[in-house]
Amino acid sequence: MITSTSGATTGTCTLVTATGGSTGTLPTLSRPSGWSATLQQSGNNLNLVVTAVP
C-alpha cells in the first residue's frame, strides 16, 4: 500500500465488505511495472493483494 511516511509496500487491504456477499466479475487492474496486484473475494470481503515482482 502507499503511505505518506513509508512509500509503497506490499500487503493486503480490504476494499469492500458487503453484508450478504457480492456477485459479478472482478475488474482488471492496472499497476506500475515491478508490482503485481490481484483482487480476491474472501467471504463478504473484496481484498486487494499487492506484491513486488522480483
C-alpha atoms as a PDB file:
ATOM      1  CA  MET A   1       0.000   0.000   0.000  1.00  0.00           C
ATOM      2  CA  ILE A   2       1.108   3.599  -0.326  1.00  0.00           C
ATOM      3  CA  THR A   3       1.527   5.852   2.679  1.00  0.00           C
ATOM      4  CA  SER A   4       2.938   9.330   3.107  1.00  0.00           C
ATOM      5  CA  THR A   5       5.562   8.125   5.606  1.00  0.00           C
ATOM      6  CA  SER A   6       6.875   4.842   4.166  1.00  0.00           C
ATOM      7  CA  GLY A   7       6.072   4.958   0.442  1.00  0.00           C
ATOM      8  CA  ALA A   8       4.846   1.819  -1.313  1.00  0.00           C
ATOM      9  CA  THR A   9       4.722  -1.530   0.483  1.00  0.00           C
ATOM     10  CA  THR A  10       3.262  -4.953  -0.226  1.00  0.00           C
ATOM     11  CA  GLY A  11       0.250  -6.322   1.608  1.00  0.00           C
ATOM     12  CA  THR A  12      -3.475  -6.980   1.630  1.00  0.00           C
ATOM     13  CA  CYS A  13      -6.142  -4.316   2.006  1.00  0.00           C
ATOM     14  CA  THR A  14      -9.888  -4.863   2.347  1.00  0.00           C
ATOM     15  CA  LEU A  15     -11.582  -2.595  -0.209  1.00  0.00           C
ATOM     16  CA  VAL A  16     -15.232  -3.533   0.375  1.00  0.00           C
ATOM     17  CA  THR A  17     -17.184  -5.523   2.946  1.00  0.00           C
ATOM     18  CA  ALA A  18     -20.645  -6.496   1.670  1.00  0.00           C
ATOM     19  CA  THR A  19     -23.072  -7.999   4.167  1.00  0.00           C
ATOM     20  CA  GLY A  20     -24.709 -10.848   2.273  1.00  0.00           C
ATOM     21  CA  GLY A  21     -21.818 -11.189  -0.179  1.00  0.00           C
ATOM     22  CA  SER A  22     -21.265  -9.882  -3.688  1.00  0.00           C
ATOM     23  CA  THR A  23     -21.656 -11.172  -7.225  1.00  0.00           C
ATOM     24  CA  GLY A  24     -20.188 -10.340 -10.602  1.00  0.00           C
ATOM     25  CA  THR A  25     -16.860 -10.313 -12.376  1.00  0.00           C
ATOM     26  CA  LEU A  26     -13.793  -8.778 -10.776  1.00  0.00           C
ATOM     27  CA  PRO A  27     -12.221  -5.954 -12.822  1.00  0.00           C
ATOM     28  CA  THR A  28      -8.779  -5.991 -14.439  1.00  0.00           C
ATOM     29  CA  LEU A  29      -6.228  -3.944 -12.504  1.00  0.00           C
ATOM     30  CA  SER A  30      -3.656  -1.514 -13.873  1.00  0.00           C
ATOM     31  CA  ARG A  31      -0.391  -1.261 -11.967  1.00  0.00           C
ATOM     32  CA  PRO A  32       3.118   0.143 -12.403  1.00  0.00           C
ATOM     33  CA  SER A  33       5.924  -2.151 -13.573  1.00  0.00           C
ATOM     34  CA  GLY A  34       7.582  -4.045 -10.757  1.00  0.00           C
ATOM     35  CA  TRP A  35       4.305  -4.617  -8.902  1.00  0.00           C
ATOM     36  CA  SER A  36       1.651  -7.315  -9.016  1.00  0.00           C
ATOM     37  CA  ALA A  37      -1.894  -6.651  -7.834  1.00  0.00           C
ATOM     38  CA  THR A  38      -4.848  -9.029  -7.659  1.00  0.00           C
ATOM     39  CA  LEU A  39      -8.365  -8.873  -6.297  1.00  0.00           C
ATOM     40  CA  GLN A  40      -9.608 -11.713  -4.101  1.00  0.00           C
ATOM     41  CA  GLN A  41     -13.038 -12.434  -2.689  1.00  0.00           C
ATOM     42  CA  SER A  42     -12.959 -13.856   0.825  1.00  0.00           C
ATOM     43  CA  GLY A  43     -16.369 -14.340   2.394  1.00  0.00           C
ATOM     44  CA  ASN A  44     -18.052 -10.927   2.325  1.00  0.00           C
ATOM     45  CA  ASN A  45     -14.803  -9.043   1.654  1.00  0.00           C
ATOM     46  CA  LEU A  46     -13.147  -7.859  -1.542  1.00  0.00           C
ATOM     47  CA  ASN A  47      -9.395  -7.644  -0.933  1.00  0.00           C
ATOM     48  CA  LEU A  48      -6.577  -6.027  -2.899  1.00  0.00           C
ATOM     49  CA  VAL A  49      -3.327  -8.030  -2.674  1.00  0.00           C
ATOM     50  CA  VAL A  50      -0.170  -6.164  -3.725  1.00  0.00           C
ATOM     51  CA  THR A  51       3.226  -7.846  -4.166  1.00  0.00           C
ATOM     52  CA  ALA A  52       6.558  -6.771  -5.605  1.00  0.00           C
ATOM     53  CA  VAL A  53       7.732  -8.591  -8.739  1.00  0.00           C
ATOM     54  CA  PRO A  54      11.332  -9.831  -8.382  1.00  0.00           C
END
